[in-house]
Amino acid sequence: MLRLSFLYIMRPLQNNTIFWYDYETFGLKPSISPIAQFAGVRTDLDLNIIDKPIILYNQPNNDFLPEIEACLLTEITPQICQERGIPEYEFIGKIIAQMSVPNTCICGFNNIKFDDEFTRWTLYRNLMKVYDHEWKNNNSRWDIINVVRMCAAMRFDGLVIPTNDEGQINFKLENLTRENNITHSNAHDAMADVYATIEIAKLIKNMQPKLYDYFFYNRNKKMINNIMNLSQRPMLVHSSSKFFNKFYNTSIIVPLDNHPVNKNSIICYDLRYEVDDFLSLPADECKKRLYTKIKDLPDNSQRIALKAISINQAPVVAPISIMQNDPKLWQRINLDKKEVENRYNLLLQNIKQILPKIVDIYSDNNFDNQNQDVEQTLYGGGFISDNDYNLLSQFRADPTTNRQFLFQDNRLEELTFRYQAKYYPNSLAAEQQQKWDRHRLQKMDKESYLKNITDYKNNNSIGSEKLKILDDLQNWCDEI
């Protein structure tokens, strides 16, 4: 039986709510691709909707070209967002107002790895505090996708696991809803995806209430720290997109040590893999293998199966007792109990040797902002100070002011200029307008973009509706 050791420590007050949300975006890279559409709705902890749904569109600025594939998938074009939307600073402001309601847990389907990143980067570009909505006022975040994976691996009765055309396990939202008879009429529409996500959560909550509650109430980093318990280093079951789909994205890990640089990360070892090379090889060789794909490793080389788990990203980790000593569960995730235990014991026996090696492997922060555009430096550029945020708040109240702001952070002079250029272009002096035009035209490769559109149009399988989208994208490229 799944032990709920920490479950009741986080029992919330009655006014706690979950704000379920989803984005449709103009691309896959949150540092450069704007959000196109937002949808969200608030529920109580029993997943009853308690407020009106919200749908917003984001008016695009004239410094980007949307990814063609993204628009063909969502059928949302820049023209639709121009017509229905509001400026990005107002768009993200309305979203953050919802996410910042006290005692709110923000949640979605793969939101922590995808949607939450778009939120952060959009806040950064728009000179607003990036992280406060995730933790202030008893707020938090969660993500249902890895709970689905854990359920599929460990407690699968009543959940139909979808597969793709090749018979491979596939956890896409539209596939889960289809196989489990959940209405999802318009996949890749943000509001439809939000409702579908809530229904998936209800399915798991009703089918496996203890499992659902365990992961929901153990979502914050303090609780995750308790579960991972570096003083004991227990074996844990962990579900993550980093693991193989064919094993339900689930494996058994052992936490080894805190990350030497990132205080919100714990270094673990995936016990699916042998530990001999990790123990015997020097740190530089381990590091090289750690970042090499398995298919690119030399013959007879073992993968160094270290994994950094971010404790502030609501990772799905459970005590080994969830396996219930059931051979069928070990077989389901393709692990041999005796082999896993032997690897675990070897690591613990050599922990004094391992700890300095982890420091050597992970001491670099891996952020190199040299030669990066200022809008690409959210991570690795340091946290913006409260004093600078106070100045940014004054600037945003009157972006056309001639007042000089003495920012401590050297990124902010350029970011404030771009903010003014995007939203108040008529306030720019002639040389400022020239500077902005040079920047945005250098940023966009219009010639290649138009060629790609032509290539898509020459594809005979493109239907008339998709051709209309391609025409809109061509017009957008010509006009900006």
Protein backbone atom coordinates (compact mmCIF):
# COMPACT_ATOMS: atom_id res chain seq x y z
CA MET A 1 0.00 0.00 0.00
CA LEU A 2 1.27 3.50 -0.85
CA ARG A 3 2.50 5.17 2.32
CA LEU A 4 1.24 8.72 2.78
CA SER A 5 3.95 9.75 5.21
CA PHE A 6 3.79 13.48 4.56
CA LEU A 7 0.27 13.80 3.27
CA TYR A 8 -1.43 15.67 6.06
CA ILE A 9 1.32 18.19 6.77
CA MET A 10 0.20 20.22 3.75
CA ARG A 11 -3.56 19.91 4.20
CA PRO A 12 -4.78 23.26 2.84
CA LEU A 13 -7.33 25.74 4.07
CA GLN A 14 -10.78 25.64 2.54
CA ASN A 15 -10.10 28.66 0.32
CA ASN A 16 -7.30 26.93 -1.61
CA THR A 17 -8.02 26.59 -5.32
CA ILE A 18 -6.43 25.21 -8.47
CA PHE A 19 -6.13 27.44 -11.52
CA TRP A 20 -5.97 25.17 -14.57
CA TYR A 21 -4.52 26.77 -17.67
CA ASP A 22 -3.07 26.18 -21.11
CA TYR A 23 -1.30 28.15 -23.81
CA GLU A 24 -1.28 27.84 -27.56
CA THR A 25 1.94 29.39 -28.78
CA PHE A 26 3.56 30.68 -31.96
CA GLY A 27 6.49 28.29 -31.51
CA LEU A 28 8.25 25.92 -29.16
CA LYS A 29 10.97 28.21 -27.76
CA PRO A 30 9.66 30.35 -24.89
CA SER A 31 12.61 32.74 -25.07
CA ILE A 32 11.69 33.87 -28.59
CA SER A 33 8.17 32.63 -29.37
CA PRO A 34 5.17 34.62 -28.12
CA ILE A 35 2.07 33.06 -26.63
CA ALA A 36 -0.89 33.16 -29.04
CA GLN A 37 -3.85 32.11 -26.88
CA PHE A 38 -4.46 31.63 -23.16
CA ALA A 39 -7.30 29.82 -21.43
CA GLY A 40 -7.85 29.16 -17.76
CA VAL A 41 -10.49 28.25 -15.22
CA ARG A 42 -10.48 27.92 -11.43
CA THR A 43 -11.65 24.87 -9.50
CA ASP A 44 -11.86 23.88 -5.87
CA LEU A 45 -9.71 20.99 -4.65
CA ASP A 46 -12.46 18.54 -5.60
CA LEU A 47 -12.11 19.79 -9.19
CA ASN A 48 -15.48 21.53 -9.32
CA ILE A 49 -15.36 24.65 -11.50
CA ILE A 50 -16.04 27.68 -9.28
CA ASP A 51 -15.45 30.65 -11.59
CA LYS A 52 -16.00 31.75 -15.17
CA PRO A 53 -13.47 30.55 -17.75
CA ILE A 54 -11.07 33.10 -19.20
CA ILE A 55 -9.86 33.15 -22.82
CA LEU A 56 -7.35 35.74 -24.03
CA TYR A 57 -5.41 36.36 -27.23
CA ASN A 58 -2.01 38.05 -27.36
CA GLN A 59 -1.45 40.77 -29.96
CA PRO A 60 1.89 40.02 -31.60
CA ASN A 61 4.59 42.66 -31.90
CA ASN A 62 6.30 43.45 -35.19
CA ASP A 63 9.62 41.82 -34.30
CA PHE A 64 8.87 38.13 -34.83
CA LEU A 65 7.82 35.53 -37.40
CA PRO A 66 5.69 32.69 -36.02
CA GLU A 67 6.75 29.11 -36.58
CA ILE A 68 4.83 27.84 -39.59
CA GLU A 69 4.19 24.40 -38.07
CA ALA A 70 2.75 25.98 -34.92
CA CYS A 71 0.20 28.00 -36.87
CA LEU A 72 -0.78 25.03 -39.04
CA LEU A 73 -1.33 22.97 -35.89
CA THR A 74 -3.32 25.50 -33.85
CA GLU A 75 -4.85 27.36 -36.82
CA ILE A 76 -4.16 30.60 -34.94
CA THR A 77 -2.47 33.28 -37.05
CA PRO A 78 -1.01 36.67 -36.10
CA GLN A 79 -4.00 38.29 -37.81
CA ILE A 80 -6.44 36.45 -35.51
CA CYS A 81 -4.48 37.61 -32.47
CA GLN A 82 -4.30 41.17 -33.78
CA GLU A 83 -8.08 41.22 -34.18
CA ARG A 84 -9.06 39.48 -30.93
CA GLY A 85 -6.10 40.21 -28.71
CA ILE A 86 -4.67 42.76 -26.34
CA PRO A 87 -1.05 44.00 -26.08
CA GLU A 88 1.31 41.48 -24.56
CA TYR A 89 2.02 43.49 -21.40
CA GLU A 90 -1.73 43.69 -20.71
CA PHE A 91 -2.22 40.05 -21.73
CA ILE A 92 0.38 38.70 -19.30
CA GLY A 93 -0.81 41.12 -16.62
CA LYS A 94 -4.32 39.65 -16.69
CA ILE A 95 -2.92 36.12 -16.53
CA ILE A 96 -0.67 36.89 -13.58
CA ALA A 97 -3.58 38.52 -11.75
CA GLN A 98 -5.32 35.12 -11.82
CA MET A 99 -2.22 33.12 -10.95
CA SER A 100 -1.39 35.46 -8.05
CA VAL A 101 -4.68 35.06 -6.19
CA PRO A 102 -3.64 33.88 -2.70
CA ASN A 103 -3.71 30.10 -2.06
CA THR A 104 -3.70 29.30 -5.79
CA CYS A 105 -2.03 26.23 -7.25
CA ILE A 106 -1.44 26.69 -10.98
CA CYS A 107 -1.67 23.47 -12.94
CA GLY A 108 -1.92 22.07 -16.44
CA PHE A 109 -0.77 19.24 -18.66
CA ASN A 110 3.02 19.46 -19.09
CA ASN A 111 2.81 23.06 -17.89
CA ILE A 112 5.96 23.02 -15.74
CA LYS A 113 8.22 22.11 -18.65
CA PHE A 114 6.32 24.12 -21.27
CA ASP A 115 3.61 26.63 -20.34
CA ASP A 116 5.24 27.85 -17.11
CA GLU A 117 8.39 28.64 -19.08
CA PHE A 118 6.38 30.79 -21.51
CA THR A 119 4.91 32.62 -18.53
CA ARG A 120 8.36 33.34 -17.12
CA TRP A 121 9.89 34.54 -20.38
CA THR A 122 6.87 36.72 -21.18
CA LEU A 123 7.07 38.33 -17.74
CA TYR A 124 10.80 38.93 -18.23
CA ARG A 125 10.32 40.63 -21.61
CA ASN A 126 7.59 42.78 -20.11
CA LEU A 127 9.65 43.91 -17.09
CA MET A 128 7.50 42.15 -14.49
CA LYS A 129 8.48 39.92 -11.58
CA VAL A 130 9.15 36.47 -12.97
CA TYR A 131 8.68 34.08 -10.06
CA ASP A 132 6.46 35.65 -7.38
CA HIS A 133 3.19 34.14 -8.62
CA GLU A 134 4.63 30.64 -8.16
CA TRP A 135 5.21 30.87 -4.40
CA LYS A 136 4.03 34.07 -2.72
CA ASN A 137 0.82 34.10 -0.65
CA ASN A 138 0.85 30.32 -0.18
CA ASN A 139 0.80 29.81 -3.94
CA SER A 140 2.28 26.80 -5.69
CA ARG A 141 2.33 24.91 -8.95
CA TRP A 142 1.69 21.36 -10.04
CA ASP A 143 1.59 19.34 -13.26
CA ILE A 144 -0.67 16.37 -13.93
CA ILE A 145 1.35 14.73 -16.74
CA ASN A 146 3.85 12.84 -14.59
CA VAL A 147 1.08 11.77 -12.22
CA VAL A 148 -0.55 10.17 -15.28
CA ARG A 149 2.73 8.42 -16.07
CA MET A 150 3.13 7.13 -12.52
CA CYS A 151 -0.47 5.95 -12.54
CA ALA A 152 0.13 4.15 -15.84
CA ALA A 153 3.19 2.43 -14.38
CA MET A 154 2.01 1.58 -10.87
CA ARG A 155 -1.79 1.92 -10.52
CA PHE A 156 -3.19 1.42 -13.99
CA ASP A 157 -6.56 -0.26 -13.39
CA GLY A 158 -9.22 1.89 -15.05
CA LEU A 159 -6.77 3.99 -17.09
CA VAL A 160 -6.41 3.16 -20.78
CA ILE A 161 -2.85 3.83 -21.91
CA PRO A 162 -2.74 5.14 -25.49
CA THR A 163 -0.24 4.01 -28.10
CA ASN A 164 0.72 5.59 -31.41
CA ASP A 165 0.60 4.01 -34.87
CA GLU A 166 3.85 2.14 -34.16
CA GLY A 167 2.43 0.67 -30.96
CA GLN A 168 4.57 2.88 -28.72
CA ILE A 169 3.15 4.31 -25.49
CA ASN A 170 2.12 7.92 -26.00
CA PHE A 171 0.99 10.32 -23.29
CA LYS A 172 -0.29 13.14 -25.50
CA LEU A 173 -3.40 14.76 -24.05
CA GLU A 174 -5.57 14.18 -27.12
CA ASN A 175 -4.65 10.48 -27.12
CA LEU A 176 -5.39 10.05 -23.42
CA THR A 177 -8.79 11.68 -23.75
CA ARG A 178 -9.71 9.65 -26.82
CA GLU A 179 -8.77 6.30 -25.30
CA ASN A 180 -10.50 7.10 -22.00
CA ASN A 181 -13.73 8.38 -23.60
CA ILE A 182 -13.26 11.96 -22.44
CA THR A 183 -14.78 14.70 -24.57
CA HIS A 184 -12.04 16.75 -26.23
CA SER A 185 -13.69 18.27 -29.25
CA ASN A 186 -10.99 20.67 -30.39
CA ALA A 187 -7.48 19.59 -29.42
CA HIS A 188 -4.96 22.46 -29.56
CA ASP A 189 -7.59 24.97 -28.57
CA ALA A 190 -6.47 26.25 -25.18
CA MET A 191 -9.89 26.14 -23.49
CA ALA A 192 -10.67 22.66 -24.81
CA ASP A 193 -7.30 21.46 -23.53
CA VAL A 194 -7.97 22.94 -20.07
CA TYR A 195 -11.30 21.14 -19.73
CA ALA A 196 -9.73 17.90 -21.00
CA THR A 197 -6.91 18.20 -18.45
CA ILE A 198 -9.39 18.64 -15.60
CA GLU A 199 -11.26 15.52 -16.75
CA ILE A 200 -8.01 13.51 -16.80
CA ALA A 201 -7.30 14.73 -13.27
CA LYS A 202 -10.81 13.70 -12.20
CA LEU A 203 -10.31 10.25 -13.71
CA ILE A 204 -7.15 9.67 -11.67
CA LYS A 205 -8.58 11.26 -8.51
CA ASN A 206 -11.63 8.99 -8.69
CA MET A 207 -9.71 5.89 -9.75
CA GLN A 208 -6.69 6.26 -7.44
CA PRO A 209 -7.57 8.88 -4.80
CA LYS A 210 -4.65 8.06 -2.48
CA LEU A 211 -2.11 8.30 -5.29
CA TYR A 212 -3.61 11.57 -6.54
CA ASP A 213 -3.67 13.10 -3.05
CA TYR A 214 -0.15 11.93 -2.27
CA PHE A 215 1.36 13.75 -5.24
CA PHE A 216 -0.85 16.82 -4.91
CA TYR A 217 -0.11 17.39 -1.24
CA ASN A 218 3.59 16.61 -1.67
CA ARG A 219 4.20 19.04 -4.51
CA ASN A 220 6.30 21.77 -2.90
CA LYS A 221 10.05 21.62 -2.50
CA LYS A 222 10.00 21.23 1.27
CA MET A 223 7.91 18.08 0.95
CA ILE A 224 10.04 16.78 -1.93
CA ASN A 225 13.15 17.33 0.19
CA ASN A 226 11.59 15.27 2.95
CA ILE A 227 10.77 12.44 0.57
CA MET A 228 14.22 12.43 -1.03
CA ASN A 229 15.81 12.57 2.44
CA LEU A 230 19.53 12.87 1.74
CA SER A 231 20.33 11.73 5.27
CA GLN A 232 18.91 8.29 4.39
CA ARG A 233 19.11 8.19 0.56
CA PRO A 234 16.13 5.87 0.02
CA MET A 235 15.26 4.13 -3.22
CA LEU A 236 12.42 6.03 -4.90
CA VAL A 237 10.13 5.49 -7.86
CA HIS A 238 10.22 8.46 -10.23
CA SER A 239 8.27 9.34 -13.39
CA SER A 240 9.76 11.78 -15.87
CA SER A 241 9.81 12.55 -19.59
CA LYS A 242 13.56 11.85 -19.44
CA PHE A 243 12.86 8.13 -19.05
CA PHE A 244 11.84 5.76 -21.83
CA ASN A 245 8.19 5.86 -22.96
CA LYS A 246 8.12 2.09 -23.31
CA PHE A 247 8.63 1.80 -19.54
CA TYR A 248 5.88 4.34 -18.84
CA ASN A 249 8.55 7.03 -18.32
CA THR A 250 9.22 5.51 -14.91
CA SER A 251 12.33 4.20 -13.18
CA ILE A 252 13.87 3.74 -9.74
CA ILE A 253 16.37 6.29 -8.49
CA VAL A 254 18.52 7.03 -5.48
CA PRO A 255 19.17 10.63 -4.37
CA LEU A 256 22.89 11.21 -3.86
CA ASP A 257 23.56 14.85 -3.03
CA ASN A 258 22.46 18.43 -3.45
CA HIS A 259 23.48 20.11 -6.68
CA PRO A 260 26.67 22.09 -5.93
CA VAL A 261 25.38 25.20 -7.76
CA ASN A 262 21.59 25.01 -8.01
CA LYS A 263 20.05 24.90 -4.54
CA ASN A 264 16.74 23.72 -6.02
CA SER A 265 18.22 20.57 -7.52
CA ILE A 266 19.18 17.15 -6.15
CA ILE A 267 21.52 14.83 -8.05
CA CYS A 268 20.19 11.27 -8.34
CA TYR A 269 21.24 8.06 -10.05
CA ASP A 270 18.92 6.07 -12.30
CA LEU A 271 19.22 2.50 -11.05
CA ARG A 272 18.15 1.12 -14.41
CA TYR A 273 21.82 1.41 -15.36
CA GLU A 274 25.05 -0.15 -14.13
CA VAL A 275 27.16 1.89 -11.73
CA ASP A 276 30.63 0.42 -12.38
CA ASP A 277 31.84 3.08 -14.80
CA PHE A 278 30.45 5.90 -12.69
CA LEU A 279 32.41 4.61 -9.72
CA SER A 280 35.66 3.89 -11.57
CA LEU A 281 35.98 6.69 -14.14
CA PRO A 282 37.32 10.18 -13.38
CA ALA A 283 34.85 13.04 -13.14
CA ASP A 284 35.71 14.57 -16.54
CA GLU A 285 35.00 11.30 -18.36
CA CYS A 286 31.77 10.84 -16.39
CA LYS A 287 30.73 14.35 -17.35
CA LYS A 288 31.46 13.69 -21.01
CA ARG A 289 29.35 10.53 -21.01
CA LEU A 290 26.59 12.18 -19.02
CA TYR A 291 25.93 14.64 -21.84
CA THR A 292 26.39 12.16 -24.70
CA LYS A 293 23.35 10.46 -26.21
CA ILE A 294 23.28 6.70 -25.76
CA LYS A 295 23.40 6.11 -29.52
CA ASP A 296 26.55 8.24 -29.76
CA LEU A 297 28.48 6.48 -27.01
CA PRO A 298 31.49 4.40 -28.08
CA ASP A 299 31.00 0.65 -28.24
CA ASN A 300 30.93 -1.07 -24.84
CA SER A 301 30.56 2.27 -23.07
CA GLN A 302 27.97 2.60 -20.36
CA ARG A 303 25.78 5.61 -19.85
CA ILE A 304 26.48 7.63 -16.71
CA ALA A 305 22.93 7.71 -15.43
CA LEU A 306 22.98 10.77 -13.20
CA LYS A 307 19.84 12.88 -13.19
CA ALA A 308 19.30 16.31 -11.67
CA ILE A 309 15.81 16.57 -10.19
CA SER A 310 14.43 20.07 -9.67
CA ILE A 311 12.66 20.02 -6.33
CA ASN A 312 10.83 23.28 -7.15
CA GLN A 313 9.16 21.69 -10.20
CA ALA A 314 6.82 19.32 -8.33
CA PRO A 315 8.65 16.15 -9.41
CA VAL A 316 6.69 12.93 -9.08
CA VAL A 317 8.65 10.74 -6.64
CA ALA A 318 7.25 8.01 -4.42
CA PRO A 319 8.64 5.62 -1.80
CA ILE A 320 9.70 2.21 -3.09
CA SER A 321 6.78 0.80 -1.10
CA ILE A 322 4.52 1.81 -3.99
CA MET A 323 5.94 -1.28 -5.75
CA GLN A 324 4.26 -3.45 -3.07
CA ASN A 325 6.93 -6.12 -3.66
CA ASP A 326 4.85 -7.05 -6.70
CA PRO A 327 6.96 -8.80 -9.36
CA LYS A 328 4.46 -7.70 -12.01
CA LEU A 329 5.16 -4.03 -11.29
CA TRP A 330 8.91 -4.58 -11.53
CA GLN A 331 8.32 -6.36 -14.82
CA ARG A 332 6.01 -3.58 -16.04
CA ILE A 333 8.83 -1.03 -15.87
CA ASN A 334 11.37 -3.65 -17.02
CA LEU A 335 13.55 -3.70 -13.91
CA ASP A 336 15.09 -6.60 -12.02
CA LYS A 337 14.66 -6.12 -8.27
CA LYS A 338 17.90 -7.86 -7.33
CA GLU A 339 19.97 -5.92 -9.88
CA VAL A 340 18.49 -2.62 -8.74
CA GLU A 341 19.18 -3.42 -5.09
CA ASN A 342 22.77 -4.43 -5.88
CA ARG A 343 23.41 -1.14 -7.70
CA TYR A 344 21.80 0.79 -4.87
CA ASN A 345 23.99 -0.90 -2.26
CA LEU A 346 27.14 -0.31 -4.32
CA LEU A 347 26.41 3.40 -4.55
CA LEU A 348 25.78 3.73 -0.83
CA GLN A 349 28.93 1.79 0.00
CA ASN A 350 30.95 4.23 -2.12
CA ILE A 351 29.15 7.44 -1.19
CA LYS A 352 32.27 9.14 0.22
CA GLN A 353 33.99 8.65 -3.13
CA ILE A 354 30.90 9.76 -5.06
CA LEU A 355 30.20 13.10 -3.37
CA PRO A 356 33.34 14.99 -4.52
CA LYS A 357 32.87 13.54 -8.00
CA ILE A 358 29.37 15.03 -8.18
CA VAL A 359 30.81 18.42 -7.23
CA ASP A 360 33.37 18.16 -10.05
CA ILE A 361 30.76 17.10 -12.60
CA TYR A 362 28.18 19.77 -11.80
CA SER A 363 30.21 22.75 -10.59
CA ASP A 364 29.84 24.63 -13.87
CA ASN A 365 26.55 26.50 -14.00
CA ASN A 366 26.34 25.84 -17.78
CA PHE A 367 24.98 29.32 -18.51
CA ASP A 368 26.96 31.25 -21.09
CA ASN A 369 25.28 34.57 -21.84
CA GLN A 370 28.20 35.96 -23.78
CA ASN A 371 27.07 37.19 -27.20
CA GLN A 372 23.45 36.38 -26.37
CA ASP A 373 20.70 38.84 -27.07
CA VAL A 374 19.48 40.50 -23.88
CA GLU A 375 16.03 38.94 -24.26
CA GLN A 376 17.66 35.49 -24.08
CA THR A 377 19.29 36.05 -20.68
CA LEU A 378 16.55 35.35 -18.15
CA TYR A 379 18.52 32.38 -16.81
CA GLY A 380 22.15 32.88 -15.98
CA GLY A 381 21.93 36.66 -15.92
CA GLY A 382 21.20 36.81 -12.22
CA PHE A 383 18.04 37.81 -10.38
CA ILE A 384 16.75 41.33 -10.90
CA SER A 385 16.87 43.19 -7.58
CA ASP A 386 13.84 44.56 -5.74
CA ASN A 387 15.24 48.05 -6.23
CA ASP A 388 15.37 47.55 -9.99
CA TYR A 389 11.85 46.11 -10.00
CA ASN A 390 10.66 49.24 -8.20
CA LEU A 391 12.26 51.35 -10.92
CA LEU A 392 10.74 49.11 -13.61
CA SER A 393 7.32 49.61 -12.07
CA GLN A 394 7.81 53.38 -12.31
CA PHE A 395 8.97 53.04 -15.91
CA ARG A 396 5.98 50.90 -16.92
CA ALA A 397 3.65 53.51 -15.44
CA ASP A 398 5.01 56.02 -17.98
CA PRO A 399 7.20 54.34 -20.63
CA THR A 400 7.44 57.49 -22.74
CA THR A 401 9.08 59.54 -20.01
CA ASN A 402 12.47 61.11 -20.63
CA ARG A 403 13.53 60.28 -17.09
CA GLN A 404 16.81 58.41 -16.76
CA PHE A 405 16.63 55.31 -14.56
CA LEU A 406 19.81 54.16 -12.81
CA PHE A 407 19.35 50.39 -12.99
CA GLN A 408 21.78 48.10 -11.20
CA ASP A 409 21.18 45.36 -13.80
CA ASN A 410 22.86 46.19 -17.09
CA ARG A 411 20.22 44.27 -19.09
CA LEU A 412 17.44 46.67 -18.21
CA GLU A 413 18.44 49.69 -20.26
CA GLU A 414 18.03 47.71 -23.47
CA LEU A 415 14.93 45.86 -22.26
CA THR A 416 13.18 49.12 -21.37
CA PHE A 417 14.07 50.57 -24.76
CA ARG A 418 12.52 47.57 -26.51
CA TYR A 419 9.44 47.75 -24.32
CA GLN A 420 8.91 51.36 -25.38
CA ALA A 421 9.59 50.52 -29.04
CA LYS A 422 7.07 47.66 -29.08
CA TYR A 423 4.18 49.37 -27.34
CA TYR A 424 4.78 53.10 -27.87
CA PRO A 425 6.53 53.37 -31.26
CA ASN A 426 5.23 56.89 -31.88
CA SER A 427 7.18 58.10 -28.85
CA LEU A 428 10.55 57.14 -30.36
CA ALA A 429 12.96 59.70 -31.71
CA ALA A 430 14.16 59.14 -35.28
CA GLU A 431 17.45 57.51 -34.23
CA GLN A 432 15.61 55.28 -31.75
CA GLN A 433 13.22 54.13 -34.47
CA GLN A 434 16.16 53.32 -36.72
CA LYS A 435 17.79 51.33 -33.92
CA TRP A 436 14.57 49.35 -33.35
CA ASP A 437 14.11 48.64 -37.06
CA ARG A 438 17.70 47.42 -37.36
CA HIS A 439 17.22 45.09 -34.39
CA ARG A 440 13.95 43.54 -35.50
CA LEU A 441 15.00 43.09 -39.13
CA GLN A 442 18.25 41.41 -38.07
CA LYS A 443 16.21 39.14 -35.81
CA MET A 444 13.97 37.94 -38.66
CA ASP A 445 15.17 36.03 -41.72
CA LYS A 446 12.34 37.00 -44.03
CA GLU A 447 13.86 35.51 -47.17
CA SER A 448 14.15 32.01 -45.69
CA TYR A 449 10.73 32.32 -44.08
CA LEU A 450 8.99 33.13 -47.37
CA LYS A 451 10.85 30.29 -49.07
CA ASN A 452 9.59 27.88 -46.40
CA ILE A 453 6.03 29.08 -46.94
CA THR A 454 6.41 28.45 -50.68
CA ASP A 455 7.69 24.94 -49.97
CA TYR A 456 4.64 24.23 -47.81
CA LYS A 457 2.32 25.55 -50.51
CA ASN A 458 3.91 23.25 -53.07
CA ASN A 459 3.01 20.26 -50.90
CA ASN A 460 0.01 18.68 -52.60
CA SER A 461 -1.37 17.38 -49.30
CA ILE A 462 -1.99 20.91 -47.98
CA GLY A 463 -5.74 21.60 -47.95
CA SER A 464 -7.50 24.88 -48.64
CA GLU A 465 -7.79 25.83 -44.94
CA LYS A 466 -4.06 25.36 -44.44
CA LEU A 467 -3.34 27.35 -47.60
CA LYS A 468 -5.30 30.25 -46.12
CA ILE A 469 -3.10 30.09 -43.01
CA LEU A 470 0.02 30.10 -45.19
CA ASP A 471 -1.32 33.13 -47.08
CA ASP A 472 -1.86 34.92 -43.77
CA LEU A 473 1.69 34.14 -42.66
CA GLN A 474 3.07 35.40 -45.96
CA ASN A 475 1.09 38.62 -45.59
CA TRP A 476 2.32 39.03 -42.01
CA CYS A 477 5.92 38.65 -43.15
CA ASP A 478 5.42 41.20 -45.94
CA GLU A 479 3.70 43.74 -43.71
CA ILE A 480 5.92 43.95 -40.64
